[in-house]
Amino acid sequence: MADPFATALGVFFAAPGSVAADWVPPEGDTKPIRVVLEQGVEKLETGQAVFNADRTIARIQRADVADPSGGSIRIIGGDTFEVVGEPALDIERVEWSCELVAI
C-alpha cells in the first residue's frame, strides 16, 4: 500500500505554485525535480537594533533528494540557489525544508 503522505505530497508538487528545477548535488549527476518556493522576511534583533532579512525556503520531496545538504537548486528559467544551514524533514519524513541563498 502506498504511503498516503507521499501520495498527497506528489499531488502538491504537481500543482500550481510548484516550479521545475534541477537538483545539483555536490558530486554526481544533475537531476530534474519540482520544488515549492516560499519567500518571506525574518526579523533579526541584536541589542537595540532590529533588521529584516529576506528568506527563501525550498520544499523538496525526500523521494527526489535523499540528502539536500551542500547542494544547489537551479530553477528552470530563473535563478540558482545554494542550500545553506541544515535541511529539516517534516514530521512524516517525506519533505525537506531547505533555506536557500541566491548564488
C-alpha atoms as a PDB file:
ATOM      1  CA  MET A   1       0.000   0.000   0.000  1.00  0.00           C
ATOM      2  CA  ALA A   2       1.306   3.442  -0.940  1.00  0.00           C
ATOM      3  CA  ASP A   3       2.224   5.939   1.772  1.00  0.00           C
ATOM      4  CA  PRO A   4      -0.739   8.386   1.928  1.00  0.00           C
ATOM      5  CA  PHE A   5       1.519  11.300   2.915  1.00  0.00           C
ATOM      6  CA  ALA A   6       3.871  10.685  -0.012  1.00  0.00           C
ATOM      7  CA  THR A   7       0.906  10.351  -2.397  1.00  0.00           C
ATOM      8  CA  ALA A   8      -0.614  13.654  -1.237  1.00  0.00           C
ATOM      9  CA  LEU A   9       2.774  15.328  -1.448  1.00  0.00           C
ATOM     10  CA  GLY A  10       3.168  14.163  -5.056  1.00  0.00           C
ATOM     11  CA  VAL A  11      -0.101  15.896  -5.943  1.00  0.00           C
ATOM     12  CA  PHE A  12       1.014  19.049  -4.093  1.00  0.00           C
ATOM     13  CA  PHE A  13       4.298  19.190  -6.013  1.00  0.00           C
ATOM     14  CA  ALA A  14       2.485  18.807  -9.355  1.00  0.00           C
ATOM     15  CA  ALA A  15       0.025  21.628  -8.573  1.00  0.00           C
ATOM     16  CA  PRO A  16       0.268  25.310  -9.492  1.00  0.00           C
ATOM     17  CA  GLY A  17       2.722  27.018  -7.176  1.00  0.00           C
ATOM     18  CA  SER A  18       5.421  24.416  -7.687  1.00  0.00           C
ATOM     19  CA  VAL A  19       8.248  25.029 -10.138  1.00  0.00           C
ATOM     20  CA  ALA A  20      10.510  22.874 -12.273  1.00  0.00           C
ATOM     21  CA  ALA A  21      14.122  22.840 -11.117  1.00  0.00           C
ATOM     22  CA  ASP A  22      17.359  20.921 -11.346  1.00  0.00           C
ATOM     23  CA  TRP A  23      18.964  19.430  -8.237  1.00  0.00           C
ATOM     24  CA  VAL A  24      22.740  19.867  -8.446  1.00  0.00           C
ATOM     25  CA  PRO A  25      24.418  17.664  -5.805  1.00  0.00           C
ATOM     26  CA  PRO A  26      27.966  18.331  -4.566  1.00  0.00           C
ATOM     27  CA  GLU A  27      29.014  15.231  -6.529  1.00  0.00           C
ATOM     28  CA  GLY A  28      27.158  13.283  -9.173  1.00  0.00           C
ATOM     29  CA  ASP A  29      24.608  13.997 -11.846  1.00  0.00           C
ATOM     30  CA  THR A  30      22.081  16.816 -12.008  1.00  0.00           C
ATOM     31  CA  LYS A  31      18.500  15.603 -11.506  1.00  0.00           C
ATOM     32  CA  PRO A  32      15.228  17.255 -12.591  1.00  0.00           C
ATOM     33  CA  ILE A  33      12.856  17.840  -9.647  1.00  0.00           C
ATOM     34  CA  ARG A  34       9.925  20.036  -8.648  1.00  0.00           C
ATOM     35  CA  VAL A  35      10.103  22.413  -5.702  1.00  0.00           C
ATOM     36  CA  VAL A  36       7.764  24.727  -3.840  1.00  0.00           C
ATOM     37  CA  LEU A  37       9.429  28.044  -3.005  1.00  0.00           C
ATOM     38  CA  GLU A  38       8.435  30.215  -0.063  1.00  0.00           C
ATOM     39  CA  GLN A  39       9.738  33.723   0.381  1.00  0.00           C
ATOM     40  CA  GLY A  40       9.397  35.859   3.448  1.00  0.00           C
ATOM     41  CA  VAL A  41      11.132  38.148   5.884  1.00  0.00           C
ATOM     42  CA  GLU A  42      12.831  37.108   9.107  1.00  0.00           C
ATOM     43  CA  LYS A  43      13.097  39.664  11.906  1.00  0.00           C
ATOM     44  CA  LEU A  44      16.586  39.715  13.453  1.00  0.00           C
ATOM     45  CA  GLU A  45      17.255  41.525  16.716  1.00  0.00           C
ATOM     46  CA  THR A  46      20.718  42.367  18.027  1.00  0.00           C
ATOM     47  CA  GLY A  47      20.747  44.591  21.080  1.00  0.00           C
ATOM     48  CA  GLN A  48      18.565  47.578  20.257  1.00  0.00           C
ATOM     49  CA  ALA A  49      18.866  47.173  16.505  1.00  0.00           C
ATOM     50  CA  VAL A  50      16.233  45.313  14.508  1.00  0.00           C
ATOM     51  CA  PHE A  51      16.884  44.093  10.969  1.00  0.00           C
ATOM     52  CA  ASN A  52      14.672  42.420   8.410  1.00  0.00           C
ATOM     53  CA  ALA A  53      16.325  39.672   6.368  1.00  0.00           C
ATOM     54  CA  ASP A  54      14.813  38.152   3.244  1.00  0.00           C
ATOM     55  CA  ARG A  55      14.490  34.354   3.356  1.00  0.00           C
ATOM     56  CA  THR A  56      13.879  31.804   0.647  1.00  0.00           C
ATOM     57  CA  ILE A  57      12.786  28.303   1.639  1.00  0.00           C
ATOM     58  CA  ALA A  58      12.500  25.396  -0.797  1.00  0.00           C
ATOM     59  CA  ARG A  59      10.318  22.406  -0.070  1.00  0.00           C
ATOM     60  CA  ILE A  60      11.691  19.287  -1.754  1.00  0.00           C
ATOM     61  CA  GLN A  61      10.299  15.757  -1.794  1.00  0.00           C
ATOM     62  CA  ARG A  62      12.551  13.317   0.026  1.00  0.00           C
ATOM     63  CA  ALA A  63      11.754  10.793  -2.714  1.00  0.00           C
ATOM     64  CA  ASP A  64      13.526  13.162  -5.157  1.00  0.00           C
ATOM     65  CA  VAL A  65      16.514  14.144  -2.998  1.00  0.00           C
ATOM     66  CA  ALA A  66      17.739  11.853  -0.231  1.00  0.00           C
ATOM     67  CA  ASP A  67      20.026  14.458   1.404  1.00  0.00           C
ATOM     68  CA  PRO A  68      19.993  18.082   0.182  1.00  0.00           C
ATOM     69  CA  SER A  69      22.920  19.189   2.375  1.00  0.00           C
ATOM     70  CA  GLY A  70      25.550  21.111   0.438  1.00  0.00           C
ATOM     71  CA  GLY A  71      23.819  21.032  -2.942  1.00  0.00           C
ATOM     72  CA  SER A  72      22.205  23.682  -5.072  1.00  0.00           C
ATOM     73  CA  ILE A  73      18.943  24.190  -6.928  1.00  0.00           C
ATOM     74  CA  ARG A  74      18.714  25.704 -10.380  1.00  0.00           C
ATOM     75  CA  ILE A  75      15.202  26.951 -11.123  1.00  0.00           C
ATOM     76  CA  ILE A  76      14.302  26.348 -14.751  1.00  0.00           C
ATOM     77  CA  GLY A  77      14.189  29.756 -16.451  1.00  0.00           C
ATOM     78  CA  GLY A  78      15.358  31.543 -13.293  1.00  0.00           C
ATOM     79  CA  ASP A  79      17.926  31.805 -10.532  1.00  0.00           C
ATOM     80  CA  THR A  80      20.361  29.381  -8.951  1.00  0.00           C
ATOM     81  CA  PHE A  81      20.326  28.882  -5.184  1.00  0.00           C
ATOM     82  CA  GLU A  82      22.599  27.100  -2.735  1.00  0.00           C
ATOM     83  CA  VAL A  83      21.254  25.161   0.239  1.00  0.00           C
ATOM     84  CA  VAL A  84      22.526  26.771   3.465  1.00  0.00           C
ATOM     85  CA  GLY A  85      22.204  25.584   7.024  1.00  0.00           C
ATOM     86  CA  GLU A  86      20.815  22.199   7.952  1.00  0.00           C
ATOM     87  CA  PRO A  87      17.819  20.965   5.893  1.00  0.00           C
ATOM     88  CA  ALA A  88      14.933  19.695   8.048  1.00  0.00           C
ATOM     89  CA  LEU A  89      12.477  16.873   7.389  1.00  0.00           C
ATOM     90  CA  ASP A  90       8.795  17.307   8.162  1.00  0.00           C
ATOM     91  CA  ILE A  91       7.147  15.163  10.837  1.00  0.00           C
ATOM     92  CA  GLU A  92       6.137  12.471   8.310  1.00  0.00           C
ATOM     93  CA  ARG A  93       9.722  12.463   6.960  1.00  0.00           C
ATOM     94  CA  VAL A  94       8.644  12.865   3.320  1.00  0.00           C
ATOM     95  CA  GLU A  95       9.512  16.530   2.640  1.00  0.00           C
ATOM     96  CA  TRP A  96      12.653  18.604   3.163  1.00  0.00           C
ATOM     97  CA  SER A  97      12.611  22.304   4.109  1.00  0.00           C
ATOM     98  CA  CYS A  98      15.807  23.937   2.921  1.00  0.00           C
ATOM     99  CA  GLU A  99      16.911  27.526   3.388  1.00  0.00           C
ATOM    100  CA  LEU A 100      18.386  28.917   0.182  1.00  0.00           C
ATOM    101  CA  VAL A 101      20.673  31.761  -0.769  1.00  0.00           C
ATOM    102  CA  ALA A 102      20.978  33.035  -4.343  1.00  0.00           C
ATOM    103  CA  ILE A 103      24.356  32.406  -5.990  1.00  0.00           C
END
